[in-house]
PDB file of N, CA and C in Angstrom:
ATOM      1  N   MET A   1      10.294 -11.023  54.294  1.00  0.00           N
ATOM      2  CA  MET A   1      11.656 -10.953  53.770  1.00  0.00           C
ATOM      3  C   MET A   1      12.483 -12.137  54.253  1.00  0.00           C
ATOM      4  N   VAL A   2      12.394 -12.437  55.550  1.00  0.00           N
ATOM      5  CA  VAL A   2      13.174 -13.554  56.106  1.00  0.00           C
ATOM      6  C   VAL A   2      12.634 -14.867  55.556  1.00  0.00           C
ATOM      7  N   LEU A   3      11.316 -14.995  55.451  1.00  0.00           N
ATOM      8  CA  LEU A   3      10.714 -16.190  54.925  1.00  0.00           C
ATOM      9  C   LEU A   3      11.158 -16.442  53.461  1.00  0.00           C
ATOM     10  N   ARG A   4      11.179 -15.357  52.708  1.00  0.00           N
ATOM     11  CA  ARG A   4      11.598 -15.467  51.302  1.00  0.00           C
ATOM     12  C   ARG A   4      13.044 -15.940  51.214  1.00  0.00           C
ATOM     13  N   ARG A   5      13.897 -15.421  52.046  1.00  0.00           N
ATOM     14  CA  ARG A   5      15.303 -15.819  52.046  1.00  0.00           C
ATOM     15  C   ARG A   5      15.485 -17.283  52.461  1.00  0.00           C
ATOM     16  N   LEU A   6      14.709 -17.699  53.447  1.00  0.00           N
ATOM     17  CA  LEU A   6      14.774 -19.068  53.938  1.00  0.00           C
ATOM     18  C   LEU A   6      14.304 -20.056  52.868  1.00  0.00           C
ATOM     19  N   LEU A   7      13.185 -19.673  52.213  1.00  0.00           N
ATOM     20  CA  LEU A   7      12.658 -20.512  51.138  1.00  0.00           C
ATOM     21  C   LEU A   7      13.613 -20.608  49.978  1.00  0.00           C
ATOM     22  N   PHE A   8      14.246 -19.481  49.627  1.00  0.00           N
ATOM     23  CA  PHE A   8      15.240 -19.463  48.560  1.00  0.00           C
ATOM     24  C   PHE A   8      16.410 -20.386  48.873  1.00  0.00           C
ATOM     25  N   THR A   9      16.871 -20.392  50.127  1.00  0.00           N
ATOM     26  CA  THR A   9      17.981 -21.201  50.562  1.00  0.00           C
ATOM     27  C   THR A   9      17.585 -22.662  50.478  1.00  0.00           C
ATOM     28  N   VAL A  10      16.451 -23.019  50.960  1.00  0.00           N
ATOM     29  CA  VAL A  10      16.008 -24.389  50.976  1.00  0.00           C
ATOM     30  C   VAL A  10      15.790 -24.955  49.551  1.00  0.00           C
ATOM     31  N   LEU A  11      15.207 -24.148  48.699  1.00  0.00           N
ATOM     32  CA  LEU A  11      14.913 -24.606  47.346  1.00  0.00           C
ATOM     33  C   LEU A  11      16.164 -24.624  46.450  1.00  0.00           C
ATOM     34  N   ASN A  12      17.234 -24.016  46.856  1.00  0.00           N
ATOM     35  CA  ASN A  12      18.497 -24.111  46.103  1.00  0.00           C
ATOM     36  C   ASN A  12      19.410 -25.261  46.606  1.00  0.00           C
ATOM     37  N   ASN A  13      18.902 -26.053  47.532  1.00  0.00           N
ATOM     38  CA  ASN A  13      19.654 -27.197  47.991  1.00  0.00           C
ATOM     39  C   ASN A  13      19.404 -28.391  47.077  1.00  0.00           C
ATOM     40  N   PRO A  14      20.444 -28.949  46.445  1.00  0.00           N
ATOM     41  CA  PRO A  14      20.219 -30.057  45.518  1.00  0.00           C
ATOM     42  C   PRO A  14      19.540 -31.280  46.140  1.00  0.00           C
ATOM     43  N   ARG A  15      19.826 -31.546  47.398  1.00  0.00           N
ATOM     44  CA  ARG A  15      19.223 -32.730  48.039  1.00  0.00           C
ATOM     45  C   ARG A  15      17.713 -32.536  48.239  1.00  0.00           C
ATOM     46  N   VAL A  16      17.294 -31.300  48.535  1.00  0.00           N
ATOM     47  CA  VAL A  16      15.862 -31.014  48.702  1.00  0.00           C
ATOM     48  C   VAL A  16      15.154 -31.136  47.346  1.00  0.00           C
ATOM     49  N   ILE A  17      15.810 -30.606  46.306  1.00  0.00           N
ATOM     50  CA  ILE A  17      15.209 -30.683  44.988  1.00  0.00           C
ATOM     51  C   ILE A  17      15.066 -32.116  44.570  1.00  0.00           C
ATOM     52  N   GLU A  18      16.083 -32.950  44.821  1.00  0.00           N
ATOM     53  CA  GLU A  18      15.982 -34.353  44.442  1.00  0.00           C
ATOM     54  C   GLU A  18      14.859 -35.081  45.207  1.00  0.00           C
ATOM     55  N   LYS A  19      14.735 -34.809  46.472  1.00  0.00           N
ATOM     56  CA  LYS A  19      13.671 -35.398  47.310  1.00  0.00           C
ATOM     57  C   LYS A  19      12.280 -34.978  46.814  1.00  0.00           C
ATOM     58  N   LEU A  20      12.147 -33.682  46.478  1.00  0.00           N
ATOM     59  CA  LEU A  20      10.865 -33.203  45.939  1.00  0.00           C
ATOM     60  C   LEU A  20      10.553 -33.850  44.605  1.00  0.00           C
ATOM     61  N   SER A  21      11.575 -34.026  43.733  1.00  0.00           N
ATOM     62  CA  SER A  21      11.328 -34.596  42.421  1.00  0.00           C
ATOM     63  C   SER A  21      10.872 -36.048  42.499  1.00  0.00           C
ATOM     64  N   GLU A  22      11.180 -36.725  43.601  1.00  0.00           N
ATOM     65  CA  GLU A  22      10.773 -38.095  43.775  1.00  0.00           C
ATOM     66  C   GLU A  22       9.419 -38.205  44.457  1.00  0.00           C
ATOM     67  N   SER A  23       8.840 -37.110  44.852  1.00  0.00           N
ATOM     68  CA  SER A  23       7.521 -37.178  45.556  1.00  0.00           C
ATOM     69  C   SER A  23       6.432 -37.391  44.545  1.00  0.00           C
ATOM     70  N   TRP A  24       5.343 -38.016  45.032  1.00  0.00           N
ATOM     71  CA  TRP A  24       4.212 -38.297  44.161  1.00  0.00           C
ATOM     72  C   TRP A  24       3.556 -37.083  43.547  1.00  0.00           C
ATOM     73  N   PRO A  25       3.269 -36.005  44.306  1.00  0.00           N
ATOM     74  CA  PRO A  25       2.611 -34.845  43.692  1.00  0.00           C
ATOM     75  C   PRO A  25       3.404 -34.181  42.582  1.00  0.00           C
ATOM     76  N   ILE A  26       4.703 -34.100  42.767  1.00  0.00           N
ATOM     77  CA  ILE A  26       5.577 -33.467  41.746  1.00  0.00           C
ATOM     78  C   ILE A  26       5.602 -34.332  40.505  1.00  0.00           C
ATOM     79  N   ARG A  27       5.745 -35.650  40.672  1.00  0.00           N
ATOM     80  CA  ARG A  27       5.805 -36.581  39.541  1.00  0.00           C
ATOM     81  C   ARG A  27       4.451 -36.513  38.774  1.00  0.00           C
ATOM     82  N   ALA A  28       3.325 -36.490  39.506  1.00  0.00           N
ATOM     83  CA  ALA A  28       2.019 -36.449  38.847  1.00  0.00           C
ATOM     84  C   ALA A  28       1.865 -35.162  38.072  1.00  0.00           C
ATOM     85  N   ALA A  29       2.295 -34.035  38.658  1.00  0.00           N
ATOM     86  CA  ALA A  29       2.221 -32.766  37.958  1.00  0.00           C
ATOM     87  C   ALA A  29       3.088 -32.772  36.707  1.00  0.00           C
ATOM     88  N   ALA A  30       4.278 -33.374  36.769  1.00  0.00           N
ATOM     89  CA  ALA A  30       5.163 -33.454  35.591  1.00  0.00           C
ATOM     90  C   ALA A  30       4.528 -34.305  34.536  1.00  0.00           C
ATOM     91  N   LYS A  31       3.928 -35.401  34.884  1.00  0.00           N
ATOM     92  CA  LYS A  31       3.276 -36.300  33.896  1.00  0.00           C
ATOM     93  C   LYS A  31       2.117 -35.565  33.254  1.00  0.00           C
ATOM     94  N   LEU A  32       1.297 -34.873  34.029  1.00  0.00           N
ATOM     95  CA  LEU A  32       0.159 -34.169  33.526  1.00  0.00           C
ATOM     96  C   LEU A  32       0.627 -33.073  32.536  1.00  0.00           C
ATOM     97  N   THR A  33       1.642 -32.327  32.912  1.00  0.00           N
ATOM     98  CA  THR A  33       2.149 -31.276  32.026  1.00  0.00           C
ATOM     99  C   THR A  33       2.701 -31.830  30.751  1.00  0.00           C
ATOM    100  N   ALA A  34       3.454 -32.919  30.836  1.00  0.00           N
ATOM    101  CA  ALA A  34       4.029 -33.546  29.623  1.00  0.00           C
ATOM    102  C   ALA A  34       2.913 -34.071  28.729  1.00  0.00           C
ATOM    103  N   SER A  35       1.902 -34.663  29.307  1.00  0.00           N
ATOM    104  CA  SER A  35       0.764 -35.201  28.569  1.00  0.00           C
ATOM    105  C   SER A  35       0.014 -34.044  27.846  1.00  0.00           C
ATOM    106  N   ALA A  36      -0.223 -32.941  28.535  1.00  0.00           N
ATOM    107  CA  ALA A  36      -0.955 -31.802  27.917  1.00  0.00           C
ATOM    108  C   ALA A  36      -0.125 -31.203  26.772  1.00  0.00           C
ATOM    109  N   LEU A  37       1.162 -31.045  26.969  1.00  0.00           N
ATOM    110  CA  LEU A  37       1.982 -30.513  25.911  1.00  0.00           C
ATOM    111  C   LEU A  37       2.055 -31.430  24.705  1.00  0.00           C
ATOM    112  N   THR A  38       2.125 -32.699  24.921  1.00  0.00           N
ATOM    113  CA  THR A  38       2.180 -33.651  23.834  1.00  0.00           C
ATOM    114  C   THR A  38       0.852 -33.643  23.074  1.00  0.00           C
ATOM    115  N   ARG A  39      -0.265 -33.630  23.791  1.00  0.00           N
ATOM    116  CA  ARG A  39      -1.578 -33.611  23.094  1.00  0.00           C
ATOM    117  C   ARG A  39      -1.743 -32.313  22.265  1.00  0.00           C
ATOM    118  N   ALA A  40      -1.328 -31.232  22.848  1.00  0.00           N
ATOM    119  CA  ALA A  40      -1.432 -29.963  22.148  1.00  0.00           C
ATOM    120  C   ALA A  40      -0.566 -29.969  20.886  1.00  0.00           C
ATOM    121  N   GLN A  41       0.636 -30.467  20.976  1.00  0.00           N
ATOM    122  CA  GLN A  41       1.520 -30.521  19.822  1.00  0.00           C
ATOM    123  C   GLN A  41       0.931 -31.437  18.727  1.00  0.00           C
ATOM    124  N   LEU A  42       0.449 -32.608  19.109  1.00  0.00           N
ATOM    125  CA  LEU A  42      -0.135 -33.515  18.135  1.00  0.00           C
ATOM    126  C   LEU A  42      -1.369 -32.940  17.484  1.00  0.00           C
ATOM    127  N   GLY A  43      -2.180 -32.282  18.318  1.00  0.00           N
ATOM    128  CA  GLY A  43      -3.401 -31.647  17.796  1.00  0.00           C
ATOM    129  C   GLY A  43      -3.072 -30.530  16.795  1.00  0.00           C
ATOM    130  N   GLY A  44      -2.057 -29.759  17.136  1.00  0.00           N
ATOM    131  CA  GLY A  44      -1.621 -28.689  16.218  1.00  0.00           C
ATOM    132  C   GLY A  44      -1.109 -29.212  14.904  1.00  0.00           C
ATOM    133  N   ARG A  45      -0.357 -30.258  14.960  1.00  0.00           N
ATOM    134  CA  ARG A  45       0.200 -30.900  13.741  1.00  0.00           C
ATOM    135  C   ARG A  45      -0.983 -31.440  12.850  1.00  0.00           C
ATOM    136  N   GLU A  46      -1.930 -32.115  13.518  1.00  0.00           N
ATOM    137  CA  GLU A  46      -3.042 -32.670  12.777  1.00  0.00           C
ATOM    138  C   GLU A  46      -3.902 -31.577  12.130  1.00  0.00           C
ATOM    139  N   ALA A  47      -4.105 -30.457  12.841  1.00  0.00           N
ATOM    140  CA  ALA A  47      -4.865 -29.368  12.268  1.00  0.00           C
ATOM    141  C   ALA A  47      -4.080 -28.787  11.079  1.00  0.00           C
ATOM    142  N   ALA A  48      -2.794 -28.640  11.178  1.00  0.00           N
ATOM    143  CA  ALA A  48      -2.000 -28.135  10.065  1.00  0.00           C
ATOM    144  C   ALA A  48      -2.083 -29.063   8.861  1.00  0.00           C
ATOM    145  N   ARG A  49      -2.017 -30.341   9.110  1.00  0.00           N
ATOM    146  CA  ARG A  49      -2.108 -31.320   8.014  1.00  0.00           C
ATOM    147  C   ARG A  49      -3.489 -31.206   7.298  1.00  0.00           C
ATOM    148  N   ARG A  50      -4.529 -31.088   8.148  1.00  0.00           N
ATOM    149  CA  ARG A  50      -5.847 -30.957   7.557  1.00  0.00           C
ATOM    150  C   ARG A  50      -5.979 -29.692   6.708  1.00  0.00           C
ATOM    151  N   LEU A  51      -5.458 -28.582   7.191  1.00  0.00           N
ATOM    152  CA  LEU A  51      -5.569 -27.341   6.426  1.00  0.00           C
ATOM    153  C   LEU A  51      -4.737 -27.464   5.111  1.00  0.00           C
ATOM    154  N   LEU A  52      -3.591 -28.070   5.169  1.00  0.00           N
ATOM    155  CA  LEU A  52      -2.797 -28.230   3.935  1.00  0.00           C
ATOM    156  C   LEU A  52      -3.438 -29.245   2.962  1.00  0.00           C
ATOM    157  N   ARG A  53      -4.010 -30.271   3.496  1.00  0.00           N
ATOM    158  CA  ARG A  53      -4.613 -31.291   2.640  1.00  0.00           C
ATOM    159  C   ARG A  53      -5.859 -30.726   1.962  1.00  0.00           C
ATOM    160  N   ASP A  54      -6.665 -29.963   2.684  1.00  0.00           N
ATOM    161  CA  ASP A  54      -7.888 -29.404   2.108  1.00  0.00           C
ATOM    162  C   ASP A  54      -7.584 -28.273   1.141  1.00  0.00           C
ATOM    163  N   GLY A  55      -6.432 -27.697   1.245  1.00  0.00           N
ATOM    164  CA  GLY A  55      -6.134 -26.547   0.373  1.00  0.00           C
ATOM    165  C   GLY A  55      -6.713 -25.276   0.882  1.00  0.00           C
ATOM    166  N   SER A  56      -7.423 -25.277   2.017  1.00  0.00           N
ATOM    167  CA  SER A  56      -8.080 -24.092   2.488  1.00  0.00           C
ATOM    168  C   SER A  56      -7.073 -23.063   2.986  1.00  0.00           C
ATOM    169  N   LEU A  57      -5.923 -23.536   3.453  1.00  0.00           N
ATOM    170  CA  LEU A  57      -4.890 -22.554   3.877  1.00  0.00           C
ATOM    171  C   LEU A  57      -4.377 -21.753   2.679  1.00  0.00           C
ATOM    172  N   ALA A  58      -4.140 -22.432   1.592  1.00  0.00           N
ATOM    173  CA  ALA A  58      -3.649 -21.724   0.408  1.00  0.00           C
ATOM    174  C   ALA A  58      -4.702 -20.741  -0.111  1.00  0.00           C
ATOM    175  N   ARG A  59      -5.970 -21.175  -0.120  1.00  0.00           N
ATOM    176  CA  ARG A  59      -7.044 -20.293  -0.555  1.00  0.00           C
ATOM    177  C   ARG A  59      -7.169 -19.056   0.320  1.00  0.00           C
ATOM    178  N   ARG A  60      -7.050 -19.285   1.637  1.00  0.00           N
ATOM    179  CA  ARG A  60      -7.181 -18.172   2.577  1.00  0.00           C
ATOM    180  C   ARG A  60      -6.011 -17.177   2.413  1.00  0.00           C
ATOM    181  N   ALA A  61      -4.822 -17.733   2.212  1.00  0.00           N
ATOM    182  CA  ALA A  61      -3.621 -16.886   2.025  1.00  0.00           C
ATOM    183  C   ALA A  61      -3.753 -16.076   0.745  1.00  0.00           C
ATOM    184  N   ALA A  62      -4.251 -16.712  -0.333  1.00  0.00           N
ATOM    185  CA  ALA A  62      -4.424 -15.978  -1.610  1.00  0.00           C
ATOM    186  C   ALA A  62      -5.505 -14.862  -1.434  1.00  0.00           C
ATOM    187  N   ARG A  63      -6.571 -15.173  -0.710  1.00  0.00           N
ATOM    188  CA  ARG A  63      -7.637 -14.197  -0.544  1.00  0.00           C
ATOM    189  C   ARG A  63      -7.108 -13.038   0.319  1.00  0.00           C
ATOM    190  N   LEU A  64      -6.328 -13.380   1.351  1.00  0.00           N
ATOM    191  CA  LEU A  64      -5.733 -12.270   2.195  1.00  0.00           C
ATOM    192  C   LEU A  64      -4.823 -11.403   1.377  1.00  0.00           C
ATOM    193  N   GLN A  65      -4.026 -12.025   0.493  1.00  0.00           N
ATOM    194  CA  GLN A  65      -3.097 -11.199  -0.321  1.00  0.00           C
ATOM    195  C   GLN A  65      -3.915 -10.325  -1.276  1.00  0.00           C
ATOM    196  N   GLU A  66      -4.933 -10.882  -1.893  1.00  0.00           N
ATOM    197  CA  GLU A  66      -5.731 -10.069  -2.827  1.00  0.00           C
ATOM    198  C   GLU A  66      -6.377  -8.903  -2.092  1.00  0.00           C
ATOM    199  N   THR A  67      -6.949  -9.165  -0.942  1.00  0.00           N
ATOM    200  CA  THR A  67      -7.610  -8.109  -0.185  1.00  0.00           C
ATOM    201  C   THR A  67      -6.608  -7.037   0.260  1.00  0.00           C
ATOM    202  N   PHE A  68      -5.444  -7.460   0.700  1.00  0.00           N
ATOM    203  CA  PHE A  68      -4.446  -6.500   1.119  1.00  0.00           C
ATOM    204  C   PHE A  68      -4.016  -5.640   0.007  1.00  0.00           C
ATOM    205  N   LEU A  69      -3.724  -6.210  -1.144  1.00  0.00           N
ATOM    206  CA  LEU A  69      -3.318  -5.400  -2.319  1.00  0.00           C
ATOM    207  C   LEU A  69      -4.393  -4.482  -2.802  1.00  0.00           C
ATOM    208  N   ARG A  70      -5.666  -4.923  -2.782  1.00  0.00           N
ATOM    209  CA  ARG A  70      -6.767  -4.063  -3.239  1.00  0.00           C
ATOM    210  C   ARG A  70      -6.916  -2.896  -2.295  1.00  0.00           C
ATOM    211  N   GLU A  71      -6.845  -3.134  -0.963  1.00  0.00           N
ATOM    212  CA  GLU A  71      -6.932  -2.056  -0.021  1.00  0.00           C
ATOM    213  C   GLU A  71      -5.771  -1.087  -0.150  1.00  0.00           C
ATOM    214  N   LEU A  72      -4.590  -1.638  -0.402  1.00  0.00           N
ATOM    215  CA  LEU A  72      -3.420  -0.776  -0.582  1.00  0.00           C
ATOM    216  C   LEU A  72      -3.589   0.107  -1.808  1.00  0.00           C
ATOM    217  N   ARG A  73      -4.045  -0.453  -2.901  1.00  0.00           N
ATOM    218  CA  ARG A  73      -4.243   0.339  -4.145  1.00  0.00           C
ATOM    219  C   ARG A  73      -5.337   1.402  -3.908  1.00  0.00           C
ATOM    220  N   ASP A  74      -6.436   1.005  -3.274  1.00  0.00           N
ATOM    221  CA  ASP A  74      -7.551   1.978  -3.013  1.00  0.00           C
ATOM    222  C   ASP A  74      -7.085   3.114  -2.148  1.00  0.00           C
ATOM    223  N   GLY A  75      -6.320   2.779  -1.111  1.00  0.00           N
ATOM    224  CA  GLY A  75      -5.814   3.820  -0.227  1.00  0.00           C
ATOM    225  C   GLY A  75      -4.850   4.763  -0.936  1.00  0.00           C
ATOM    226  N   ALA A  76      -4.001   4.169  -1.815  1.00  0.00           N
ATOM    227  CA  ALA A  76      -3.064   5.026  -2.550  1.00  0.00           C
ATOM    228  C   ALA A  76      -3.803   5.925  -3.518  1.00  0.00           C
ATOM    229  N   ARG A  77      -4.859   5.387  -4.142  1.00  0.00           N
ATOM    230  CA  ARG A  77      -5.615   6.290  -5.092  1.00  0.00           C
ATOM    231  C   ARG A  77      -6.350   7.372  -4.322  1.00  0.00           C
ATOM    232  N   ALA A  78      -6.833   7.073  -3.151  1.00  0.00           N
ATOM    233  CA  ALA A  78      -7.579   8.044  -2.340  1.00  0.00           C
ATOM    234  C   ALA A  78      -6.650   9.179  -1.951  1.00  0.00           C
ATOM    235  N   ARG A  79      -5.351   8.875  -1.749  1.00  0.00           N
ATOM    236  CA  ARG A  79      -4.400   9.906  -1.343  1.00  0.00           C
ATOM    237  C   ARG A  79      -3.624  10.494  -2.543  1.00  0.00           C
ATOM    238  N   ASP A  80      -4.064  10.115  -3.728  1.00  0.00           N
ATOM    239  CA  ASP A  80      -3.443  10.587  -4.921  1.00  0.00           C
ATOM    240  C   ASP A  80      -1.926  10.258  -4.960  1.00  0.00           C
ATOM    241  N   TRP A  81      -1.614   8.994  -4.711  1.00  0.00           N
ATOM    242  CA  TRP A  81      -0.253   8.537  -4.636  1.00  0.00           C
ATOM    243  C   TRP A  81      -0.031   7.463  -5.688  1.00  0.00           C
ATOM    244  N   PRO A  82       1.071   7.348  -6.348  1.00  0.00           N
ATOM    245  CA  PRO A  82       2.211   8.239  -6.224  1.00  0.00           C
ATOM    246  C   PRO A  82       2.027   9.499  -7.001  1.00  0.00           C
ATOM    247  N   ARG A  83       2.503  10.585  -6.467  1.00  0.00           N
ATOM    248  CA  ARG A  83       2.378  11.894  -7.104  1.00  0.00           C
ATOM    249  C   ARG A  83       3.491  12.079  -8.107  1.00  0.00           C
ATOM    250  N   SER A  84       3.251  12.831  -9.133  1.00  0.00           N
ATOM    251  CA  SER A  84       4.271  13.146 -10.096  1.00  0.00           C
ATOM    252  C   SER A  84       5.221  14.176  -9.415  1.00  0.00           C
ATOM    253  N   PRO A  85       6.486  14.240  -9.820  1.00  0.00           N
ATOM    254  CA  PRO A  85       7.437  15.120  -9.186  1.00  0.00           C
ATOM    255  C   PRO A  85       7.055  16.579  -9.200  1.00  0.00           C
ATOM    256  N   GLY A  86       6.295  17.029 -10.197  1.00  0.00           N
ATOM    257  CA  GLY A  86       5.905  18.404 -10.255  1.00  0.00           C
ATOM    258  C   GLY A  86       4.617  18.712  -9.485  1.00  0.00           C
ATOM    259  N   ASN A  87       4.031  17.736  -8.875  1.00  0.00           N
ATOM    260  CA  ASN A  87       2.737  17.892  -8.202  1.00  0.00           C
ATOM    261  C   ASN A  87       2.887  17.761  -6.676  1.00  0.00           C
ATOM    262  N   ARG A  88       3.868  18.384  -6.145  1.00  0.00           N
ATOM    263  CA  ARG A  88       4.090  18.298  -4.682  1.00  0.00           C
ATOM    264  C   ARG A  88       3.179  19.312  -3.977  1.00  0.00           C
ATOM    265  N   ARG A  89       2.711  18.916  -2.839  1.00  0.00           N
ATOM    266  CA  ARG A  89       1.889  19.816  -2.017  1.00  0.00           C
ATOM    267  C   ARG A  89       2.755  20.314  -0.889  1.00  0.00           C
ATOM    268  N   GLY A  90       2.472  21.477  -0.414  1.00  0.00           N
ATOM    269  CA  GLY A  90       3.219  21.931   0.790  1.00  0.00           C
ATOM    270  C   GLY A  90       4.397  22.790   0.391  1.00  0.00           C
ATOM    271  N   GLY A  91       5.574  22.450   1.053  1.00  0.00           N
ATOM    272  CA  GLY A  91       6.805  23.243   0.908  1.00  0.00           C
ATOM    273  C   GLY A  91       7.362  23.298  -0.479  1.00  0.00           C
ATOM    274  N   SER A  92       8.404  24.145  -0.641  1.00  0.00           N
ATOM    275  CA  SER A  92       8.962  24.393  -1.941  1.00  0.00           C
ATOM    276  C   SER A  92       9.997  23.327  -2.318  1.00  0.00           C
ATOM    277  N   GLY A  93      10.568  22.645  -1.337  1.00  0.00           N
ATOM    278  CA  GLY A  93      11.645  21.663  -1.607  1.00  0.00           C
ATOM    279  C   GLY A  93      11.246  20.308  -1.015  1.00  0.00           C
ATOM    280  N   PRO A  94      12.177  19.389  -1.210  1.00  0.00           N
ATOM    281  CA  PRO A  94      11.902  18.059  -0.659  1.00  0.00           C
ATOM    282  C   PRO A  94      11.857  18.085   0.849  1.00  0.00           C
ATOM    283  N   SER A  95      11.029  17.264   1.432  1.00  0.00           N
ATOM    284  CA  SER A  95      10.863  17.277   2.878  1.00  0.00           C
ATOM    285  C   SER A  95      12.012  16.509   3.492  1.00  0.00           C
ATOM    286  N   GLN A  96      12.417  16.929   4.683  1.00  0.00           N
ATOM    287  CA  GLN A  96      13.513  16.221   5.344  1.00  0.00           C
ATOM    288  C   GLN A  96      13.065  15.530   6.554  1.00  0.00           C
TER     289      GLN A  96
END
């Protein structure tokens, strides 16, 4: 508990933060993190361009939509939906 409080006090000191930010390990870690994030972002953009250029994204989206609608229709038919107003099952009035 005391160690936590002491560490909190030291790390909230602006001079300590500035000294740490100028140290080699912190700068190396920051460069590595920035490099990894930049590579991931560029890789994601290139993958998106490839998908859009090939048209495979549009084909996959259309196939997903067709499959979803087919499953929805099949499920509705299996449950006899939509029912006509006179063909209610269960209670005598509308359900609340």
